[in-house]
């Protein structure tokens, strides 16, 4: 029968209204073919707050606990038996739907294996041994990771299972199946905490538990260990936090402040504190912004692993809250070097992100950024030109000394690099068109580039040159006219802009056509403007 209630517990059964019931359950009749709801008497009844149902007859009835909150005894019978009518004993609702067995008195290795495989290895269970069995360690504490370990041994050997007992010092144990009397799933909230033990012992306990079942670690119990006087305890605790939040970032939200305090700790402790904050930031970047201040010191240690982790965390913070990361600009700048490393790439990417809202803070770094354009690493130069572009958009003169180096990027294979370089040259041309005009012949061929951003940025740069020095651009009027048919909206707008400044009559027909037929209002308006200038 499913989820049977013993006679002692049944003695306290009441009706739903709290009235006591008469009689006690008995053994099922030998000839009873299946569960049958009791036809008379109260049903359901309540035992210790749990709904239970009476099955059988008035003379021989049994009491079972409802695992699925059924509305009738008939529904209880239907849902607490399998398709063949066999009862499902000791089971409860599965959060994913259906039911799971929560207790077994195993009579075979396959039965126990099937029971274990309902759960993952982090589900705690209590293993009870037979009266004659012996164990080198007490088994009164819950265990995790129960699994069979002898599948490759001779069939004559007794099936062997192993688990990790959650004693003060978690340890692996093995049992042969005949010694196992009962296995019961344990509520995770009842796991031992050993709060009365020394910090070092508690730290070691949670570290071992996290290595096997991080979901079972009480994250709040780690807070006092993170501030312990013993540096080894703090290190063990922060490593445990990192293991837990790697699986569940949300679990660490309440420890962000404690982790931030560990950024000033020894380098290894700080490293795992940063890694913990990274895991949290991946899902909750807003929650770690206040930790940015401590990352400067981590970068300044000179430890490469710590610098790599710190710049990665700063990148998350800068993406979500640039203001929180802006004070780290000097530390990030200290990493810039023509030899790319992961930390330097992340530092450069962070500076590029900060340059958009705070170009004035990154402007002093322009000479360093320009020097990075000499490296052979294309991706590094892409990040560099992106940062330069965000500064020169506000301060066009900032990168003027780097014009020759920027022109060298126009021949590179990477389209993003070419597009960024042309964009920076266009920013410089906005303020100093006469400085860029001599290079128009190098820019003009880029109007036919395969990449739309390169074409668009080139047309925009030529337009700024043509505003002051149209004679340098007029030889590219045929290419600009052809660009009026480009699929890229910005390319067509910039082409109109450049043609208007060039003032060449040969563009009138094409511009007139664009004014009347282009699907974009922005293009039609700019074409009309260009025609007004030419005519």
Protein backbone atom coordinates (compact mmCIF):
# COMPACT_ATOMS: atom_id res chain seq x y z
CA UNK A 1 0.00 0.00 0.00
CA UNK A 2 1.24 3.54 -0.67
CA UNK A 3 2.67 5.71 2.10
CA UNK A 4 1.27 3.62 4.97
CA UNK A 5 0.56 5.27 8.32
CA UNK A 6 1.50 3.18 11.34
CA UNK A 7 -1.01 2.32 14.07
CA UNK A 8 0.63 4.64 16.60
CA UNK A 9 0.30 7.64 14.28
CA UNK A 10 -3.19 6.58 13.20
CA UNK A 11 -4.30 6.76 16.82
CA UNK A 12 -4.12 10.56 16.58
CA UNK A 13 -6.18 10.74 13.37
CA UNK A 14 -9.08 13.19 13.28
CA UNK A 15 -11.70 14.27 10.79
CA UNK A 16 -10.98 17.48 8.84
CA UNK A 17 -13.12 19.22 11.48
CA UNK A 18 -10.88 17.97 14.27
CA UNK A 19 -13.16 15.24 15.61
CA UNK A 20 -11.47 11.94 16.63
CA UNK A 21 -12.21 8.85 14.56
CA UNK A 22 -13.05 5.39 15.82
CA UNK A 23 -10.92 2.31 15.32
CA UNK A 24 -7.39 1.65 14.11
CA UNK A 25 -6.03 0.34 10.81
CA UNK A 26 -5.42 -3.36 10.36
CA UNK A 27 -3.41 -5.57 8.04
CA UNK A 28 -4.83 -5.74 4.50
CA UNK A 29 -6.90 -8.81 3.73
CA UNK A 30 -4.87 -11.49 1.94
CA UNK A 31 -7.45 -11.82 -0.80
CA UNK A 32 -7.82 -8.09 -1.39
CA UNK A 33 -6.88 -7.67 -5.09
CA UNK A 34 -6.34 -3.91 -5.05
CA UNK A 35 -6.83 -0.72 -3.10
CA UNK A 36 -10.50 0.06 -2.50
CA UNK A 37 -11.82 3.26 -0.91
CA UNK A 38 -13.70 2.72 2.34
CA UNK A 39 -17.40 3.14 1.67
CA UNK A 40 -18.35 4.32 5.16
CA UNK A 41 -16.69 6.36 7.86
CA UNK A 42 -14.69 9.57 7.58
CA UNK A 43 -12.52 10.07 4.49
CA UNK A 44 -10.14 11.80 4.38
CA UNK A 45 -8.71 12.01 7.88
CA UNK A 46 -5.90 14.19 9.24
CA UNK A 47 -2.73 12.92 10.95
CA UNK A 48 -0.28 15.56 12.19
CA UNK A 49 -1.65 18.04 9.68
CA UNK A 50 -1.29 15.65 6.73
CA UNK A 51 -4.24 14.44 4.66
CA UNK A 52 -4.66 10.66 4.75
CA UNK A 53 -7.15 8.28 3.14
CA UNK A 54 -8.83 5.13 4.42
CA UNK A 55 -8.87 2.14 2.06
CA UNK A 56 -10.19 -1.38 2.53
CA UNK A 57 -13.40 -2.36 4.30
CA UNK A 58 -15.11 -1.34 7.50
CA UNK A 59 -13.68 -4.42 9.20
CA UNK A 60 -10.14 -4.22 7.79
CA UNK A 61 -9.04 -0.75 6.70
CA UNK A 62 -5.67 0.87 6.21
CA UNK A 63 -4.50 4.46 6.36
CA UNK A 64 -2.19 6.06 3.78
CA UNK A 65 -0.72 9.55 3.55
CA UNK A 66 -1.67 11.57 0.46
CA UNK A 67 1.41 12.74 -1.49
CA UNK A 68 -0.50 14.65 -4.17
CA UNK A 69 -3.31 16.53 -2.37
CA UNK A 70 -6.10 14.50 -3.99
CA UNK A 71 -9.74 15.54 -3.76
CA UNK A 72 -11.18 12.06 -3.26
CA UNK A 73 -10.14 8.61 -2.16
CA UNK A 74 -10.78 7.35 -5.67
CA UNK A 75 -8.37 9.92 -7.08
CA UNK A 76 -5.89 8.97 -4.37
CA UNK A 77 -6.03 5.32 -5.43
CA UNK A 78 -5.64 6.22 -9.11
CA UNK A 79 -2.71 8.54 -8.61
CA UNK A 80 -0.88 6.48 -6.00
CA UNK A 81 -0.71 3.36 -8.15
CA UNK A 82 1.08 2.68 -11.41
CA UNK A 83 -0.54 1.69 -14.69
CA UNK A 84 -0.61 -1.95 -13.59
CA UNK A 85 -2.38 -1.13 -10.33
CA UNK A 86 0.71 -1.68 -8.19
CA UNK A 87 0.98 0.70 -5.28
CA UNK A 88 3.73 3.29 -5.15
CA UNK A 89 5.13 3.31 -1.63
CA UNK A 90 6.91 6.17 0.10
CA UNK A 91 6.78 8.79 -2.57
CA UNK A 92 6.15 12.52 -2.90
CA UNK A 93 5.55 15.12 -5.63
CA UNK A 94 8.47 15.84 -7.94
CA UNK A 95 9.01 19.59 -8.57
CA UNK A 96 9.39 18.77 -12.26
CA UNK A 97 6.05 16.96 -12.29
CA UNK A 98 5.05 13.40 -11.45
CA UNK A 99 6.24 11.70 -8.29
CA UNK A 100 9.47 10.39 -6.82
CA UNK A 101 10.05 7.67 -4.30
CA UNK A 102 11.49 9.05 -1.07
CA UNK A 103 12.20 5.87 0.87
CA UNK A 104 13.22 2.34 0.00
CA UNK A 105 13.93 -0.89 1.80
CA UNK A 106 16.06 -2.34 -1.00
CA UNK A 107 15.91 -6.02 -1.85
CA UNK A 108 18.18 -5.80 -4.90
CA UNK A 109 20.94 -3.66 -6.38
CA UNK A 110 18.81 -2.66 -9.41
CA UNK A 111 16.03 -1.48 -7.09
CA UNK A 112 18.39 0.70 -5.05
CA UNK A 113 20.11 1.98 -8.19
CA UNK A 114 16.75 2.95 -9.69
CA UNK A 115 15.87 4.74 -6.46
CA UNK A 116 19.14 6.69 -6.45
CA UNK A 117 18.86 7.63 -10.12
CA UNK A 118 15.63 9.54 -9.44
CA UNK A 119 17.82 12.28 -7.98
CA UNK A 120 21.13 13.94 -8.69
CA UNK A 121 24.12 13.26 -6.48
CA UNK A 122 23.38 16.26 -4.27
CA UNK A 123 20.18 14.87 -2.74
CA UNK A 124 20.86 13.99 0.92
CA UNK A 125 19.72 10.61 2.21
CA UNK A 126 19.90 8.75 5.48
CA UNK A 127 21.26 5.21 5.25
CA UNK A 128 20.07 2.83 7.95
CA UNK A 129 21.89 -0.45 8.41
CA UNK A 130 20.52 -3.79 9.50
CA UNK A 131 20.80 -4.77 13.15
CA UNK A 132 23.64 -7.19 12.39
CA UNK A 133 25.60 -4.87 10.11
CA UNK A 134 28.66 -3.01 11.28
CA UNK A 135 30.26 0.16 9.96
CA UNK A 136 33.66 1.71 10.67
CA UNK A 137 31.92 5.09 11.07
CA UNK A 138 28.54 6.08 12.55
CA UNK A 139 25.82 6.41 9.94
CA UNK A 140 23.41 8.57 11.90
CA UNK A 141 24.31 11.62 9.78
CA UNK A 142 22.90 12.18 6.27
CA UNK A 143 24.92 11.20 3.23
CA UNK A 144 25.23 12.44 -0.34
CA UNK A 145 26.43 10.95 -3.60
CA UNK A 146 25.02 7.45 -3.01
CA UNK A 147 25.93 5.25 -5.96
CA UNK A 148 26.90 1.72 -6.88
CA UNK A 149 30.63 1.14 -7.34
CA UNK A 150 31.03 -2.54 -8.19
CA UNK A 151 29.31 -2.97 -11.55
CA UNK A 152 32.48 -4.47 -13.04
CA UNK A 153 33.11 -6.96 -10.22
CA UNK A 154 32.25 -10.68 -10.41
CA UNK A 155 28.57 -11.52 -10.07
CA UNK A 156 29.29 -13.62 -6.99
CA UNK A 157 30.33 -10.51 -5.03
CA UNK A 158 27.75 -8.65 -2.97
CA UNK A 159 26.65 -5.36 -4.60
CA UNK A 160 28.54 -2.45 -3.05
CA UNK A 161 27.40 1.16 -2.73
CA UNK A 162 29.32 4.22 -1.58
CA UNK A 163 28.38 7.67 -0.31
CA UNK A 164 29.87 10.63 1.53
CA UNK A 165 28.69 10.96 5.12
CA UNK A 166 28.10 14.54 6.23
CA UNK A 167 29.90 14.15 9.51
CA UNK A 168 32.00 16.94 11.04
CA UNK A 169 34.72 15.77 8.67
CA UNK A 170 32.83 14.42 5.63
CA UNK A 171 34.19 11.07 4.60
CA UNK A 172 33.44 8.38 2.02
CA UNK A 173 31.92 5.10 3.21
CA UNK A 174 31.04 1.83 1.47
CA UNK A 175 28.37 -0.73 2.26
CA UNK A 176 27.46 -4.07 0.78
CA UNK A 177 23.79 -4.23 -0.09
CA UNK A 178 22.81 -6.87 2.49
CA UNK A 179 23.86 -4.41 5.21
CA UNK A 180 21.53 -1.64 3.98
CA UNK A 181 18.14 -1.85 5.66
CA UNK A 182 16.57 1.41 4.55
CA UNK A 183 17.43 4.57 2.58
CA UNK A 184 15.33 7.70 3.12
CA UNK A 185 15.52 11.10 1.44
CA UNK A 186 16.35 13.83 3.97
CA UNK A 187 15.06 17.41 3.96
CA UNK A 188 18.04 19.58 3.02
CA UNK A 189 17.06 22.16 5.65
CA UNK A 190 17.79 19.63 8.39
CA UNK A 191 21.42 19.04 7.42
CA UNK A 192 23.96 19.55 10.21
CA UNK A 193 25.68 22.94 10.49
CA UNK A 194 28.20 22.18 13.25
CA UNK A 195 27.78 25.79 14.39
CA UNK A 196 29.40 24.97 17.73
CA UNK A 197 32.64 23.74 16.16
CA UNK A 198 35.84 25.67 15.51
CA UNK A 199 35.89 27.90 12.38
CA UNK A 200 38.61 25.79 10.74
CA UNK A 201 36.50 22.64 11.10
CA UNK A 202 33.36 24.36 9.79
CA UNK A 203 35.26 25.80 6.84
CA UNK A 204 36.63 22.36 5.95
CA UNK A 205 33.16 20.80 6.30
CA UNK A 206 31.52 23.28 3.93
CA UNK A 207 34.42 23.04 1.50
CA UNK A 208 33.97 19.26 1.25
CA UNK A 209 30.20 19.60 1.00
CA UNK A 210 30.51 22.19 -1.76
CA UNK A 211 32.84 19.96 -3.76
CA UNK A 212 30.16 17.25 -3.88
CA UNK A 213 26.86 19.09 -3.45
CA UNK A 214 27.22 22.89 -3.69
CA UNK A 215 23.45 23.33 -3.69
CA UNK A 216 23.32 22.04 -0.11
CA UNK A 217 25.72 24.59 1.35
CA UNK A 218 24.06 27.14 3.64
CA UNK A 219 25.57 30.25 2.07
CA UNK A 220 24.77 32.41 5.11
CA UNK A 221 26.84 30.10 7.29
CA UNK A 222 29.91 31.14 5.29
CA UNK A 223 29.69 34.85 6.20
CA UNK A 224 31.38 34.57 9.61
CA UNK A 225 34.03 32.32 8.09
CA UNK A 226 34.83 34.98 5.47
CA UNK A 227 35.76 37.38 8.27
CA UNK A 228 37.56 34.89 10.51
CA UNK A 229 40.86 35.91 12.07
CA UNK A 230 42.64 32.89 10.60
CA UNK A 231 43.69 33.69 6.98
CA UNK A 232 43.49 30.00 6.06
CA UNK A 233 39.86 29.87 7.19
CA UNK A 234 39.07 32.94 5.07
CA UNK A 235 40.77 31.35 2.07
CA UNK A 236 38.86 28.08 2.49
CA UNK A 237 35.59 29.96 2.94
CA UNK A 238 36.03 32.12 -0.15
CA UNK A 239 36.92 29.07 -2.25
CA UNK A 240 33.73 27.45 -1.00
CA UNK A 241 31.71 30.51 -1.99
CA UNK A 242 33.26 30.40 -5.47
CA UNK A 243 32.22 26.77 -5.87
CA UNK A 244 28.66 27.52 -4.75
CA UNK A 245 28.08 30.64 -6.87
CA UNK A 246 29.57 28.94 -9.92
CA UNK A 247 26.49 26.70 -9.78
CA UNK A 248 24.04 29.28 -8.41
CA UNK A 249 25.13 32.93 -8.83
CA UNK A 250 22.01 34.19 -7.11
CA UNK A 251 23.02 32.41 -3.92
CA UNK A 252 25.92 34.83 -3.49
CA UNK A 253 23.94 38.07 -3.64
CA UNK A 254 23.93 38.38 0.14
CA UNK A 255 27.71 37.98 0.35
CA UNK A 256 28.83 40.64 -2.15
CA UNK A 257 29.96 43.01 0.60
CA UNK A 258 31.86 40.27 2.43
CA UNK A 259 33.54 39.20 -0.81
CA UNK A 260 34.48 42.81 -1.59
CA UNK A 261 36.22 43.00 1.78
CA UNK A 262 38.37 40.04 0.79
CA UNK A 263 39.81 41.90 -2.22
CA UNK A 264 42.41 43.35 0.13
CA UNK A 265 43.31 39.92 1.51
CA UNK A 266 46.18 37.68 0.44
CA UNK A 267 46.47 37.26 -3.32
CA UNK A 268 44.97 33.76 -3.53
CA UNK A 269 42.08 34.73 -1.27
CA UNK A 270 41.51 37.89 -3.31
CA UNK A 271 41.63 35.85 -6.53
CA UNK A 272 38.79 33.57 -5.45
CA UNK A 273 36.84 36.55 -4.13
CA UNK A 274 37.08 38.18 -7.57
CA UNK A 275 36.11 34.93 -9.29
CA UNK A 276 33.10 34.64 -6.98
CA UNK A 277 32.04 38.18 -7.86
CA UNK A 278 32.44 37.37 -11.56
CA UNK A 279 30.01 34.45 -11.26
CA UNK A 280 27.51 36.75 -9.55
CA UNK A 281 28.07 39.52 -12.11
CA UNK A 282 27.28 37.20 -15.00
CA UNK A 283 23.64 37.22 -13.90
CA UNK A 284 23.47 40.24 -11.58
CA UNK A 285 26.01 42.85 -12.77
CA UNK A 286 24.25 45.63 -10.90
CA UNK A 287 24.89 43.90 -7.57
CA UNK A 288 28.70 43.98 -7.77
CA UNK A 289 29.24 47.61 -8.81
CA UNK A 290 30.30 48.67 -5.32
CA UNK A 291 33.18 46.17 -5.45
CA UNK A 292 34.91 48.11 -8.24
CA UNK A 293 36.91 50.24 -5.82
CA UNK A 294 38.79 47.27 -4.43
CA UNK A 295 39.83 45.98 -7.85
CA UNK A 296 42.44 48.70 -8.37
CA UNK A 297 44.54 47.22 -5.59
CA UNK A 298 44.16 43.76 -7.12
CA UNK A 299 45.51 45.00 -10.45
CA UNK A 300 48.37 46.81 -8.75
CA UNK A 301 49.65 43.61 -7.10
CA UNK A 302 51.27 42.57 -10.37
CA UNK A 303 49.82 39.06 -10.11
CA UNK A 304 48.77 38.04 -13.63
CA UNK A 305 45.92 35.75 -12.57
CA UNK A 306 44.51 38.37 -10.23
CA UNK A 307 44.83 41.08 -12.89
CA UNK A 308 43.06 38.88 -15.44
CA UNK A 309 40.16 38.17 -13.10
CA UNK A 310 39.94 41.80 -11.94
CA UNK A 311 39.82 43.25 -15.46
CA UNK A 312 37.14 40.75 -16.42
CA UNK A 313 35.02 41.85 -13.46
CA UNK A 314 35.62 45.52 -14.28
CA UNK A 315 34.43 44.84 -17.82
CA UNK A 316 31.12 43.50 -16.45
CA UNK A 317 30.80 46.51 -14.14
CA UNK A 318 31.68 49.07 -16.83
CA UNK A 319 29.14 47.58 -19.20
CA UNK A 320 26.37 47.95 -16.63
CA UNK A 321 27.48 50.98 -14.61
CA UNK A 322 30.41 52.92 -16.14
CA UNK A 323 30.41 55.44 -13.29
CA UNK A 324 31.28 52.68 -10.83
CA UNK A 325 34.34 51.67 -12.84
CA UNK A 326 35.72 55.05 -13.92
CA UNK A 327 38.06 55.39 -10.92
CA UNK A 328 39.88 52.26 -12.10
CA UNK A 329 41.06 54.05 -15.27
CA UNK A 330 44.66 54.62 -14.04
CA UNK A 331 44.99 50.98 -12.99
CA UNK A 332 43.64 49.82 -16.34
CA UNK A 333 46.01 52.18 -18.13
CA UNK A 334 48.95 50.66 -16.26
CA UNK A 335 48.27 47.38 -18.04
CA UNK A 336 48.37 48.76 -21.58
CA UNK A 337 51.26 47.36 -23.56
CA UNK A 338 51.84 46.35 -27.22
CA UNK A 339 52.12 42.72 -26.10
CA UNK A 340 48.54 41.44 -25.74
CA UNK A 341 47.54 39.30 -22.77
CA UNK A 342 44.08 38.40 -21.61
CA UNK A 343 44.26 40.99 -18.83
CA UNK A 344 45.42 43.68 -21.28
CA UNK A 345 42.70 42.83 -23.77
CA UNK A 346 40.08 43.13 -21.04
CA UNK A 347 41.62 46.36 -19.75
CA UNK A 348 41.52 47.83 -23.26
CA UNK A 349 37.94 46.67 -23.81
CA UNK A 350 36.93 48.26 -20.49
CA UNK A 351 38.63 51.55 -21.37
CA UNK A 352 36.85 51.50 -24.73
CA UNK A 353 33.55 51.11 -22.92
CA UNK A 354 34.39 53.91 -20.47
CA UNK A 355 35.45 56.23 -23.29
CA UNK A 356 31.91 56.57 -24.58
CA UNK A 357 30.35 58.21 -21.49
CA UNK A 358 33.64 59.61 -20.16
CA UNK A 359 35.86 60.57 -23.14
CA UNK A 360 37.58 63.24 -21.07
CA UNK A 361 38.83 60.59 -18.62
CA UNK A 362 40.31 58.43 -21.38
CA UNK A 363 41.71 61.31 -23.46
CA UNK A 364 45.04 61.41 -21.54
CA UNK A 365 45.59 57.79 -22.58
CA UNK A 366 45.46 58.53 -26.32
CA UNK A 367 49.27 58.42 -26.76
CA UNK A 368 49.30 54.98 -25.13
CA UNK A 369 46.41 53.85 -27.29
CA UNK A 370 48.14 55.09 -30.43
CA UNK A 371 51.26 53.14 -29.53
CA UNK A 372 49.20 49.94 -29.41
CA UNK A 373 48.42 50.30 -33.12
CA UNK A 374 51.93 49.01 -33.79
CA UNK A 375 51.12 45.54 -32.49
CA UNK A 376 50.61 42.61 -34.86
CA UNK A 377 47.41 41.50 -33.10
CA UNK A 378 44.39 42.60 -35.17
CA UNK A 379 41.82 42.19 -32.38
CA UNK A 380 43.97 44.28 -30.06
CA UNK A 381 44.09 47.05 -32.67
CA UNK A 382 40.33 46.80 -33.16
CA UNK A 383 39.75 47.47 -29.46
CA UNK A 384 42.32 50.26 -29.61
CA UNK A 385 40.69 52.02 -32.57
CA UNK A 386 37.27 51.61 -30.93
CA UNK A 387 38.54 53.40 -27.82
CA UNK A 388 40.22 56.09 -29.93
CA UNK A 389 37.03 56.61 -31.90
CA UNK A 390 35.00 57.27 -28.78
CA UNK A 391 37.53 59.85 -27.61
CA UNK A 392 38.00 61.57 -30.98
CA UNK A 393 34.24 61.85 -31.43
CA UNK A 394 34.43 64.49 -28.67
CA UNK A 395 38.07 65.56 -29.02
CA UNK A 396 39.02 65.29 -32.73
CA UNK A 397 42.51 66.66 -32.14
CA UNK A 398 43.42 63.99 -29.61
CA UNK A 399 44.58 61.38 -32.15
CA UNK A 400 45.93 63.74 -34.83
CA UNK A 401 49.54 62.57 -34.30
CA UNK A 402 48.46 59.00 -35.08
CA UNK A 403 47.16 59.74 -38.61
CA UNK A 404 49.95 57.84 -40.44
CA UNK A 405 49.44 54.80 -38.22
CA UNK A 406 45.68 54.97 -38.73
CA UNK A 407 46.17 55.09 -42.49
CA UNK A 408 48.21 51.89 -42.26
CA UNK A 409 45.12 50.13 -40.88
CA UNK A 410 43.20 50.74 -44.11
CA UNK A 411 45.09 47.90 -45.79
CA UNK A 412 44.31 45.37 -43.06
CA UNK A 413 42.18 42.29 -43.74
CA UNK A 414 39.81 42.82 -40.82
CA UNK A 415 36.81 44.93 -41.85
CA UNK A 416 36.09 46.10 -38.31
CA UNK A 417 39.63 47.42 -38.00
CA UNK A 418 39.36 49.25 -41.34
CA UNK A 419 36.00 50.70 -40.37
CA UNK A 420 37.24 51.90 -36.99
CA UNK A 421 40.35 53.48 -38.50
CA UNK A 422 38.37 55.36 -41.17
CA UNK A 423 35.95 56.48 -38.47
CA UNK A 424 38.74 57.96 -36.35
CA UNK A 425 40.16 59.73 -39.41
CA UNK A 426 36.68 61.14 -40.02
CA UNK A 427 36.55 62.44 -36.45
CA UNK A 428 39.88 64.20 -36.94
CA UNK A 429 38.65 65.62 -40.25
CA UNK A 430 35.68 67.15 -38.46
CA UNK A 431 38.00 69.64 -36.74
CA UNK A 432 41.06 69.48 -38.97
CA UNK A 433 39.92 68.64 -42.52
CA UNK A 434 43.03 70.20 -44.07
CA UNK A 435 45.19 67.72 -42.13
CA UNK A 436 43.32 64.75 -43.60
CA UNK A 437 42.74 66.16 -47.10
CA UNK A 438 46.19 65.12 -48.42
CA UNK A 439 45.23 61.50 -47.74
CA UNK A 440 41.99 61.55 -49.76
CA UNK A 441 43.57 59.44 -52.49
CA UNK A 442 44.19 56.69 -49.93
CA UNK A 443 40.65 56.96 -48.60
CA UNK A 444 38.76 57.09 -51.91
CA UNK A 445 39.21 53.41 -52.88
CA UNK A 446 37.54 52.44 -49.59
CA UNK A 447 34.20 53.58 -51.06
CA UNK A 448 34.12 50.23 -52.85
CA UNK A 449 34.95 48.17 -49.74
CA UNK A 450 32.99 44.97 -49.16
CA UNK A 451 32.03 46.09 -45.65
CA UNK A 452 29.12 48.57 -45.37
CA UNK A 453 30.54 50.28 -42.27
CA UNK A 454 33.81 50.93 -44.07
CA UNK A 455 31.95 52.39 -47.07
CA UNK A 456 29.77 54.56 -44.86
CA UNK A 457 32.63 55.85 -42.70
CA UNK A 458 34.73 56.57 -45.79
CA UNK A 459 31.97 58.62 -47.40
CA UNK A 460 31.52 60.54 -44.14
CA UNK A 461 35.24 61.27 -43.90
CA UNK A 462 35.39 62.44 -47.52
CA UNK A 463 32.38 64.69 -46.87
CA UNK A 464 34.23 66.45 -44.05
CA UNK A 465 37.26 66.92 -46.28
CA UNK A 466 35.09 68.22 -49.13
CA UNK A 467 33.52 70.82 -46.85
CA UNK A 468 36.89 72.61 -46.78
CA UNK A 469 38.89 71.09 -49.63
CA UNK A 470 36.43 69.82 -52.29
CA UNK A 471 39.13 69.56 -54.98
CA UNK A 472 40.71 66.66 -53.05
CA UNK A 473 37.47 64.67 -53.28
CA UNK A 474 36.08 65.51 -56.74
CA UNK A 475 37.94 62.67 -58.45
CA UNK A 476 35.77 60.27 -56.41
CA UNK A 477 32.43 61.81 -57.46
CA UNK A 478 31.62 58.82 -59.77
CA UNK A 479 32.17 56.44 -56.85
CA UNK A 480 30.02 58.61 -54.58
CA UNK A 481 27.25 58.67 -57.21
CA UNK A 482 27.37 54.88 -57.34
CA UNK A 483 27.13 54.82 -53.55
CA UNK A 484 23.69 56.43 -53.81
CA UNK A 485 22.45 52.94 -54.76
CA UNK A 486 24.10 51.30 -51.73
CA UNK A 487 21.97 49.00 -49.58
CA UNK A 488 23.36 50.65 -46.45
CA UNK A 489 21.29 53.70 -45.42
CA UNK A 490 24.18 55.58 -43.82
CA UNK A 491 26.31 55.12 -46.94
CA UNK A 492 23.63 56.80 -49.08
CA UNK A 493 23.21 59.67 -46.61
CA UNK A 494 26.96 60.27 -46.43
CA UNK A 495 27.27 60.07 -50.22
CA UNK A 496 24.68 62.87 -50.57
CA UNK A 497 26.55 64.86 -47.99
CA UNK A 498 29.91 64.48 -49.80
CA UNK A 499 28.41 65.21 -53.24
CA UNK A 500 26.81 68.39 -51.95
CA UNK A 501 30.10 69.68 -50.65
CA UNK A 502 31.89 68.69 -53.87
CA UNK A 503 29.43 70.81 -55.89
CA UNK A 504 29.91 68.76 -59.06
CA UNK A 505 27.16 69.17 -61.71
CA UNK A 506 27.62 65.56 -62.85
CA UNK A 507 25.88 64.41 -59.67
CA UNK A 508 22.68 66.40 -60.23
CA UNK A 509 20.67 63.70 -62.04
CA UNK A 510 21.58 60.98 -59.54
CA UNK A 511 20.81 63.25 -56.59
CA UNK A 512 17.49 64.30 -58.13
CA UNK A 513 16.56 60.65 -58.54
CA UNK A 514 17.49 59.97 -54.91
CA UNK A 515 15.45 62.97 -53.76
CA UNK A 516 12.31 61.54 -55.33
CA UNK A 517 12.71 57.76 -55.13
CA UNK A 518 14.88 56.77 -52.18
CA UNK A 519 12.80 54.86 -49.60
CA UNK A 520 14.45 56.75 -46.73
CA UNK A 521 13.30 60.22 -45.78
CA UNK A 522 16.80 60.93 -44.40
CA UNK A 523 18.34 60.24 -47.82
CA UNK A 524 15.67 62.24 -49.67
CA UNK A 525 16.22 65.25 -47.38
CA UNK A 526 20.02 65.07 -47.69
CA UNK A 527 19.79 64.72 -51.49
CA UNK A 528 17.60 67.84 -51.63
CA UNK A 529 20.15 69.69 -49.50
CA UNK A 530 22.97 68.60 -51.85
CA UNK A 531 21.05 69.76 -54.93
CA UNK A 532 20.47 73.17 -53.34
CA UNK A 533 24.22 73.55 -52.79
CA UNK A 534 25.11 72.49 -56.34
CA UNK A 535 22.46 74.58 -58.08
